[in-house]
Amino acid sequence: MWYRDRLEEERTGIPSTRGERYARCTDEQKRAAVDHYLGHGRRASRTMRMLGYPKSRDLLVRWIDELAPGERLLRRGPVPRN
């Protein structure tokens, strides 16, 4: 099916929307995850554990960069213990 979609995309020049059907999290869930991250110590692992989603740290990082550019905490060196 993906090959057929690809051929149709090349023929018409219109991008396929196939991947959009499989989005697992809504925009509201993405916003809730980013808000939780920003409001609770900027810890990705804590946000993922508390909300139960997303399953990937990379995905959460992409959401943060998309919805709150420049707000992501960048750690360098050892992580301090609280």
PDB file of N, CA and C in Angstrom:
ATOM      1  N   MET A   1       0.818  -1.200   0.000  1.00  0.00           N
ATOM      2  CA  MET A   1       0.000   0.000   0.000  1.00  0.00           C
ATOM      3  C   MET A   1       0.861   1.263   0.000  1.00  0.00           C
ATOM      4  N   TRP A   2       1.984   1.218   0.769  1.00  0.00           N
ATOM      5  CA  TRP A   2       2.818   2.406   0.807  1.00  0.00           C
ATOM      6  C   TRP A   2       3.414   2.685  -0.567  1.00  0.00           C
ATOM      7  N   TYR A   3       3.722   1.624  -1.328  1.00  0.00           N
ATOM      8  CA  TYR A   3       4.285   1.804  -2.652  1.00  0.00           C
ATOM      9  C   TYR A   3       3.255   2.427  -3.589  1.00  0.00           C
ATOM     10  N   ARG A   4       2.033   1.976  -3.489  1.00  0.00           N
ATOM     11  CA  ARG A   4       0.954   2.547  -4.293  1.00  0.00           C
ATOM     12  C   ARG A   4       0.754   4.020  -3.942  1.00  0.00           C
ATOM     13  N   ASP A   5       0.786   4.320  -2.634  1.00  0.00           N
ATOM     14  CA  ASP A   5       0.668   5.722  -2.201  1.00  0.00           C
ATOM     15  C   ASP A   5       1.810   6.561  -2.747  1.00  0.00           C
ATOM     16  N   ARG A   6       3.011   5.987  -2.720  1.00  0.00           N
ATOM     17  CA  ARG A   6       4.186   6.705  -3.215  1.00  0.00           C
ATOM     18  C   ARG A   6       4.056   6.996  -4.713  1.00  0.00           C
ATOM     19  N   LEU A   7       3.626   6.013  -5.483  1.00  0.00           N
ATOM     20  CA  LEU A   7       3.437   6.224  -6.920  1.00  0.00           C
ATOM     21  C   LEU A   7       2.376   7.283  -7.187  1.00  0.00           C
ATOM     22  N   GLU A   8       1.297   7.239  -6.418  1.00  0.00           N
ATOM     23  CA  GLU A   8       0.231   8.240  -6.568  1.00  0.00           C
ATOM     24  C   GLU A   8       0.753   9.633  -6.212  1.00  0.00           C
ATOM     25  N   GLU A   9       1.576   9.691  -5.168  1.00  0.00           N
ATOM     26  CA  GLU A   9       2.170  10.962  -4.751  1.00  0.00           C
ATOM     27  C   GLU A   9       3.067  11.525  -5.851  1.00  0.00           C
ATOM     28  N   GLU A  10       3.882  10.672  -6.463  1.00  0.00           N
ATOM     29  CA  GLU A  10       4.751  11.110  -7.556  1.00  0.00           C
ATOM     30  C   GLU A  10       3.945  11.533  -8.775  1.00  0.00           C
ATOM     31  N   ARG A  11       2.878  10.811  -9.066  1.00  0.00           N
ATOM     32  CA  ARG A  11       2.060  11.105 -10.243  1.00  0.00           C
ATOM     33  C   ARG A  11       1.329  12.430 -10.114  1.00  0.00           C
ATOM     34  N   THR A  12       0.747  12.670  -8.932  1.00  0.00           N
ATOM     35  CA  THR A  12      -0.070  13.869  -8.743  1.00  0.00           C
ATOM     36  C   THR A  12       0.693  15.058  -8.160  1.00  0.00           C
ATOM     37  N   GLY A  13       1.798  14.764  -7.459  1.00  0.00           N
ATOM     38  CA  GLY A  13       2.535  15.845  -6.807  1.00  0.00           C
ATOM     39  C   GLY A  13       1.928  16.262  -5.474  1.00  0.00           C
ATOM     40  N   ILE A  14       0.886  15.551  -5.028  1.00  0.00           N
ATOM     41  CA  ILE A  14       0.229  15.856  -3.749  1.00  0.00           C
ATOM     42  C   ILE A  14       0.751  14.883  -2.699  1.00  0.00           C
ATOM     43  N   PRO A  15       1.314  15.397  -1.583  1.00  0.00           N
ATOM     44  CA  PRO A  15       1.853  14.509  -0.547  1.00  0.00           C
ATOM     45  C   PRO A  15       0.771  13.614   0.058  1.00  0.00           C
ATOM     46  N   SER A  16       1.159  12.405   0.382  1.00  0.00           N
ATOM     47  CA  SER A  16       0.244  11.450   0.993  1.00  0.00           C
ATOM     48  C   SER A  16      -0.050  11.850   2.437  1.00  0.00           C
ATOM     49  N   THR A  17      -1.258  11.592   2.880  1.00  0.00           N
ATOM     50  CA  THR A  17      -1.631  11.865   4.273  1.00  0.00           C
ATOM     51  C   THR A  17      -1.723  10.570   5.057  1.00  0.00           C
ATOM     52  N   ARG A  18      -1.145   9.520   4.536  1.00  0.00           N
ATOM     53  CA  ARG A  18      -1.228   8.200   5.147  1.00  0.00           C
ATOM     54  C   ARG A  18      -0.723   8.200   6.590  1.00  0.00           C
ATOM     55  N   GLY A  19       0.408   8.807   6.866  1.00  0.00           N
ATOM     56  CA  GLY A  19       0.971   8.813   8.203  1.00  0.00           C
ATOM     57  C   GLY A  19       0.127   9.564   9.218  1.00  0.00           C
ATOM     58  N   GLU A  20      -0.658  10.516   8.768  1.00  0.00           N
ATOM     59  CA  GLU A  20      -1.485  11.306   9.676  1.00  0.00           C
ATOM     60  C   GLU A  20      -2.562  10.462  10.335  1.00  0.00           C
ATOM     61  N   ARG A  21      -2.994   9.413   9.674  1.00  0.00           N
ATOM     62  CA  ARG A  21      -4.026   8.549  10.237  1.00  0.00           C
ATOM     63  C   ARG A  21      -3.527   7.779  11.442  1.00  0.00           C
ATOM     64  N   TYR A  22      -2.214   7.625  11.541  1.00  0.00           N
ATOM     65  CA  TYR A  22      -1.656   6.784  12.587  1.00  0.00           C
ATOM     66  C   TYR A  22      -1.077   7.583  13.750  1.00  0.00           C
ATOM     67  N   ALA A  23      -1.370   8.850  13.826  1.00  0.00           N
ATOM     68  CA  ALA A  23      -0.895   9.654  14.947  1.00  0.00           C
ATOM     69  C   ALA A  23      -1.556   9.131  16.217  1.00  0.00           C
ATOM     70  N   ARG A  24      -0.737   8.826  17.206  1.00  0.00           N
ATOM     71  CA  ARG A  24      -1.259   8.217  18.426  1.00  0.00           C
ATOM     72  C   ARG A  24      -1.657   9.243  19.472  1.00  0.00           C
ATOM     73  N   CYS A  25      -1.064  10.401  19.428  1.00  0.00           N
ATOM     74  CA  CYS A  25      -1.368  11.421  20.434  1.00  0.00           C
ATOM     75  C   CYS A  25      -1.990  12.632  19.759  1.00  0.00           C
ATOM     76  N   THR A  26      -2.991  13.178  20.402  1.00  0.00           N
ATOM     77  CA  THR A  26      -3.656  14.362  19.872  1.00  0.00           C
ATOM     78  C   THR A  26      -2.820  15.600  20.176  1.00  0.00           C
ATOM     79  N   ASP A  27      -3.190  16.712  19.559  1.00  0.00           N
ATOM     80  CA  ASP A  27      -2.499  17.972  19.831  1.00  0.00           C
ATOM     81  C   ASP A  27      -2.669  18.380  21.293  1.00  0.00           C
ATOM     82  N   GLU A  28      -3.820  18.071  21.878  1.00  0.00           N
ATOM     83  CA  GLU A  28      -4.057  18.394  23.286  1.00  0.00           C
ATOM     84  C   GLU A  28      -3.136  17.579  24.190  1.00  0.00           C
ATOM     85  N   GLN A  29      -2.915  16.322  23.844  1.00  0.00           N
ATOM     86  CA  GLN A  29      -2.009  15.485  24.623  1.00  0.00           C
ATOM     87  C   GLN A  29      -0.572  15.973  24.501  1.00  0.00           C
ATOM     88  N   LYS A  30      -0.190  16.390  23.302  1.00  0.00           N
ATOM     89  CA  LYS A  30       1.155  16.934  23.116  1.00  0.00           C
ATOM     90  C   LYS A  30       1.345  18.176  23.974  1.00  0.00           C
ATOM     91  N   ARG A  31       0.358  19.076  23.952  1.00  0.00           N
ATOM     92  CA  ARG A  31       0.432  20.304  24.740  1.00  0.00           C
ATOM     93  C   ARG A  31       0.492  19.976  26.231  1.00  0.00           C
ATOM     94  N   ALA A  32      -0.301  18.990  26.676  1.00  0.00           N
ATOM     95  CA  ALA A  32      -0.296  18.591  28.085  1.00  0.00           C
ATOM     96  C   ALA A  32       1.071  18.044  28.487  1.00  0.00           C
ATOM     97  N   ALA A  33       1.699  17.271  27.622  1.00  0.00           N
ATOM     98  CA  ALA A  33       3.017  16.718  27.923  1.00  0.00           C
ATOM     99  C   ALA A  33       4.063  17.824  28.017  1.00  0.00           C
ATOM    100  N   VAL A  34       4.026  18.763  27.095  1.00  0.00           N
ATOM    101  CA  VAL A  34       4.995  19.869  27.120  1.00  0.00           C
ATOM    102  C   VAL A  34       4.758  20.746  28.347  1.00  0.00           C
ATOM    103  N   ASP A  35       3.505  21.027  28.667  1.00  0.00           N
ATOM    104  CA  ASP A  35       3.194  21.826  29.857  1.00  0.00           C
ATOM    105  C   ASP A  35       3.653  21.118  31.126  1.00  0.00           C
ATOM    106  N   HIS A  36       3.461  19.806  31.202  1.00  0.00           N
ATOM    107  CA  HIS A  36       3.920  19.045  32.366  1.00  0.00           C
ATOM    108  C   HIS A  36       5.432  19.116  32.477  1.00  0.00           C
ATOM    109  N   TYR A  37       6.116  18.931  31.359  1.00  0.00           N
ATOM    110  CA  TYR A  37       7.573  18.996  31.332  1.00  0.00           C
ATOM    111  C   TYR A  37       8.063  20.346  31.850  1.00  0.00           C
ATOM    112  N   LEU A  38       7.474  21.426  31.348  1.00  0.00           N
ATOM    113  CA  LEU A  38       7.907  22.763  31.741  1.00  0.00           C
ATOM    114  C   LEU A  38       7.529  23.095  33.185  1.00  0.00           C
ATOM    115  N   GLY A  39       6.437  22.556  33.672  1.00  0.00           N
ATOM    116  CA  GLY A  39       5.953  22.897  35.003  1.00  0.00           C
ATOM    117  C   GLY A  39       6.439  22.006  36.126  1.00  0.00           C
ATOM    118  N   HIS A  40       7.114  20.918  35.785  1.00  0.00           N
ATOM    119  CA  HIS A  40       7.526  19.965  36.814  1.00  0.00           C
ATOM    120  C   HIS A  40       8.999  19.611  36.706  1.00  0.00           C
ATOM    121  N   GLY A  41       9.855  20.590  36.668  1.00  0.00           N
ATOM    122  CA  GLY A  41      11.286  20.348  36.751  1.00  0.00           C
ATOM    123  C   GLY A  41      11.998  20.016  35.470  1.00  0.00           C
ATOM    124  N   ARG A  42      11.307  20.084  34.356  1.00  0.00           N
ATOM    125  CA  ARG A  42      11.927  19.847  33.048  1.00  0.00           C
ATOM    126  C   ARG A  42      12.669  18.513  32.987  1.00  0.00           C
ATOM    127  N   ARG A  43      12.000  17.479  33.425  1.00  0.00           N
ATOM    128  CA  ARG A  43      12.561  16.131  33.381  1.00  0.00           C
ATOM    129  C   ARG A  43      11.723  15.286  32.430  1.00  0.00           C
ATOM    130  N   ALA A  44      12.328  14.895  31.319  1.00  0.00           N
ATOM    131  CA  ALA A  44      11.601  14.121  30.304  1.00  0.00           C
ATOM    132  C   ALA A  44      11.152  12.777  30.859  1.00  0.00           C
ATOM    133  N   SER A  45      12.021  12.102  31.585  1.00  0.00           N
ATOM    134  CA  SER A  45      11.658  10.777  32.095  1.00  0.00           C
ATOM    135  C   SER A  45      10.500  10.867  33.075  1.00  0.00           C
ATOM    136  N   ARG A  46      10.472  11.911  33.897  1.00  0.00           N
ATOM    137  CA  ARG A  46       9.372  12.095  34.854  1.00  0.00           C
ATOM    138  C   ARG A  46       8.064  12.355  34.120  1.00  0.00           C
ATOM    139  N   THR A  47       8.112  13.178  33.098  1.00  0.00           N
ATOM    140  CA  THR A  47       6.916  13.487  32.313  1.00  0.00           C
ATOM    141  C   THR A  47       6.369  12.219  31.664  1.00  0.00           C
ATOM    142  N   MET A  48       7.241  11.430  31.048  1.00  0.00           N
ATOM    143  CA  MET A  48       6.810  10.206  30.378  1.00  0.00           C
ATOM    144  C   MET A  48       6.241   9.208  31.384  1.00  0.00           C
ATOM    145  N   ARG A  49       6.834   9.118  32.556  1.00  0.00           N
ATOM    146  CA  ARG A  49       6.354   8.187  33.578  1.00  0.00           C
ATOM    147  C   ARG A  49       5.008   8.626  34.145  1.00  0.00           C
ATOM    148  N   MET A  50       4.848   9.913  34.423  1.00  0.00           N
ATOM    149  CA  MET A  50       3.617  10.420  35.026  1.00  0.00           C
ATOM    150  C   MET A  50       2.433  10.360  34.063  1.00  0.00           C
ATOM    151  N   LEU A  51       2.660  10.704  32.802  1.00  0.00           N
ATOM    152  CA  LEU A  51       1.563  10.746  31.840  1.00  0.00           C
ATOM    153  C   LEU A  51       1.334   9.413  31.135  1.00  0.00           C
ATOM    154  N   GLY A  52       2.370   8.589  31.065  1.00  0.00           N
ATOM    155  CA  GLY A  52       2.248   7.315  30.363  1.00  0.00           C
ATOM    156  C   GLY A  52       2.471   7.429  28.866  1.00  0.00           C
ATOM    157  N   TYR A  53       2.824   8.580  28.411  1.00  0.00           N
ATOM    158  CA  TYR A  53       3.128   8.813  26.997  1.00  0.00           C
ATOM    159  C   TYR A  53       4.041  10.011  26.905  1.00  0.00           C
ATOM    160  N   PRO A  54       4.733  10.254  25.867  1.00  0.00           N
ATOM    161  CA  PRO A  54       4.993   9.342  24.755  1.00  0.00           C
ATOM    162  C   PRO A  54       5.928   8.227  25.210  1.00  0.00           C
ATOM    163  N   LYS A  55       6.049   7.219  24.394  1.00  0.00           N
ATOM    164  CA  LYS A  55       6.901   6.078  24.729  1.00  0.00           C
ATOM    165  C   LYS A  55       8.357   6.342  24.374  1.00  0.00           C
ATOM    166  N   SER A  56       8.612   7.417  23.671  1.00  0.00           N
ATOM    167  CA  SER A  56       9.959   7.726  23.202  1.00  0.00           C
ATOM    168  C   SER A  56      10.401   9.101  23.708  1.00  0.00           C
ATOM    169  N   ARG A  57      11.589   9.149  24.282  1.00  0.00           N
ATOM    170  CA  ARG A  57      12.157  10.418  24.741  1.00  0.00           C
ATOM    171  C   ARG A  57      12.377  11.357  23.546  1.00  0.00           C
ATOM    172  N   ASP A  58      12.816  10.783  22.427  1.00  0.00           N
ATOM    173  CA  ASP A  58      13.049  11.593  21.228  1.00  0.00           C
ATOM    174  C   ASP A  58      11.771  12.277  20.752  1.00  0.00           C
ATOM    175  N   LEU A  59      10.659  11.582  20.861  1.00  0.00           N
ATOM    176  CA  LEU A  59       9.383  12.163  20.454  1.00  0.00           C
ATOM    177  C   LEU A  59       9.002  13.320  21.376  1.00  0.00           C
ATOM    178  N   LEU A  60       9.184  13.146  22.678  1.00  0.00           N
ATOM    179  CA  LEU A  60       8.897  14.234  23.619  1.00  0.00           C
ATOM    180  C   LEU A  60       9.793  15.431  23.339  1.00  0.00           C
ATOM    181  N   VAL A  61      11.054  15.192  23.050  1.00  0.00           N
ATOM    182  CA  VAL A  61      11.985  16.280  22.729  1.00  0.00           C
ATOM    183  C   VAL A  61      11.516  17.033  21.487  1.00  0.00           C
ATOM    184  N   ARG A  62      11.044  16.307  20.466  1.00  0.00           N
ATOM    185  CA  ARG A  62      10.533  16.971  19.260  1.00  0.00           C
ATOM    186  C   ARG A  62       9.317  17.825  19.577  1.00  0.00           C
ATOM    187  N   TRP A  63       8.407  17.313  20.441  1.00  0.00           N
ATOM    188  CA  TRP A  63       7.229  18.084  20.834  1.00  0.00           C
ATOM    189  C   TRP A  63       7.643  19.353  21.566  1.00  0.00           C
ATOM    190  N   ILE A  64       8.604  19.245  22.468  1.00  0.00           N
ATOM    191  CA  ILE A  64       9.054  20.412  23.231  1.00  0.00           C
ATOM    192  C   ILE A  64       9.659  21.443  22.291  1.00  0.00           C
ATOM    193  N   ASP A  65      10.512  20.989  21.378  1.00  0.00           N
ATOM    194  CA  ASP A  65      11.134  21.922  20.431  1.00  0.00           C
ATOM    195  C   ASP A  65      10.110  22.555  19.499  1.00  0.00           C
ATOM    196  N   GLU A  66       9.049  21.830  19.187  1.00  0.00           N
ATOM    197  CA  GLU A  66       8.004  22.355  18.304  1.00  0.00           C
ATOM    198  C   GLU A  66       7.104  23.359  19.028  1.00  0.00           C
ATOM    199  N   LEU A  67       6.661  23.023  20.244  1.00  0.00           N
ATOM    200  CA  LEU A  67       5.673  23.839  20.944  1.00  0.00           C
ATOM    201  C   LEU A  67       6.277  24.879  21.880  1.00  0.00           C
ATOM    202  N   ALA A  68       7.519  24.676  22.311  1.00  0.00           N
ATOM    203  CA  ALA A  68       8.180  25.629  23.217  1.00  0.00           C
ATOM    204  C   ALA A  68       9.654  25.730  22.835  1.00  0.00           C
ATOM    205  N   PRO A  69       9.952  26.306  21.676  1.00  0.00           N
ATOM    206  CA  PRO A  69      11.341  26.374  21.212  1.00  0.00           C
ATOM    207  C   PRO A  69      12.241  27.085  22.220  1.00  0.00           C
ATOM    208  N   GLY A  70      13.405  26.497  22.445  1.00  0.00           N
ATOM    209  CA  GLY A  70      14.385  27.092  23.339  1.00  0.00           C
ATOM    210  C   GLY A  70      14.137  26.846  24.814  1.00  0.00           C
ATOM    211  N   GLU A  71      13.085  26.141  25.165  1.00  0.00           N
ATOM    212  CA  GLU A  71      12.743  25.908  26.566  1.00  0.00           C
ATOM    213  C   GLU A  71      13.266  24.580  27.103  1.00  0.00           C
ATOM    214  N   ARG A  72      13.774  23.745  26.234  1.00  0.00           N
ATOM    215  CA  ARG A  72      14.239  22.424  26.668  1.00  0.00           C
ATOM    216  C   ARG A  72      15.524  22.555  27.463  1.00  0.00           C
ATOM    217  N   LEU A  73      15.605  21.811  28.564  1.00  0.00           N
ATOM    218  CA  LEU A  73      16.777  21.811  29.414  1.00  0.00           C
ATOM    219  C   LEU A  73      17.835  20.923  28.782  1.00  0.00           C
ATOM    220  N   LEU A  74      19.000  21.491  28.536  1.00  0.00           N
ATOM    221  CA  LEU A  74      20.101  20.738  27.952  1.00  0.00           C
ATOM    222  C   LEU A  74      21.095  20.439  29.046  1.00  0.00           C
ATOM    223  N   ARG A  75      21.342  19.175  29.305  1.00  0.00           N
ATOM    224  CA  ARG A  75      22.272  18.781  30.368  1.00  0.00           C
ATOM    225  C   ARG A  75      23.615  18.437  29.751  1.00  0.00           C
ATOM    226  N   ARG A  76      24.636  18.899  30.408  1.00  0.00           N
ATOM    227  CA  ARG A  76      26.001  18.556  30.020  1.00  0.00           C
ATOM    228  C   ARG A  76      26.709  18.126  31.293  1.00  0.00           C
ATOM    229  N   GLY A  77      27.361  17.001  31.233  1.00  0.00           N
ATOM    230  CA  GLY A  77      28.054  16.494  32.399  1.00  0.00           C
ATOM    231  C   GLY A  77      27.139  15.675  33.280  1.00  0.00           C
ATOM    232  N   PRO A  78      27.590  15.380  34.510  1.00  0.00           N
ATOM    233  CA  PRO A  78      26.774  14.536  35.392  1.00  0.00           C
ATOM    234  C   PRO A  78      25.476  15.230  35.812  1.00  0.00           C
ATOM    235  N   VAL A  79      24.443  14.430  35.990  1.00  0.00           N
ATOM    236  CA  VAL A  79      23.146  14.949  36.428  1.00  0.00           C
ATOM    237  C   VAL A  79      23.181  15.106  37.946  1.00  0.00           C
ATOM    238  N   PRO A  80      22.855  16.305  38.462  1.00  0.00           N
ATOM    239  CA  PRO A  80      22.875  16.494  39.910  1.00  0.00           C
ATOM    240  C   PRO A  80      21.785  15.695  40.605  1.00  0.00           C
ATOM    241  N   ARG A  81      22.084  15.227  41.790  1.00  0.00           N
ATOM    242  CA  ARG A  81      21.088  14.488  42.573  1.00  0.00           C
ATOM    243  C   ARG A  81      20.281  15.456  43.400  1.00  0.00           C
ATOM    244  N   ASN A  82      18.984  15.184  43.513  1.00  0.00           N
ATOM    245  CA  ASN A  82      18.102  16.052  44.312  1.00  0.00           C
ATOM    246  C   ASN A  82      17.838  15.432  45.647  1.00  0.00           C
TER     247      ASN A  82
END
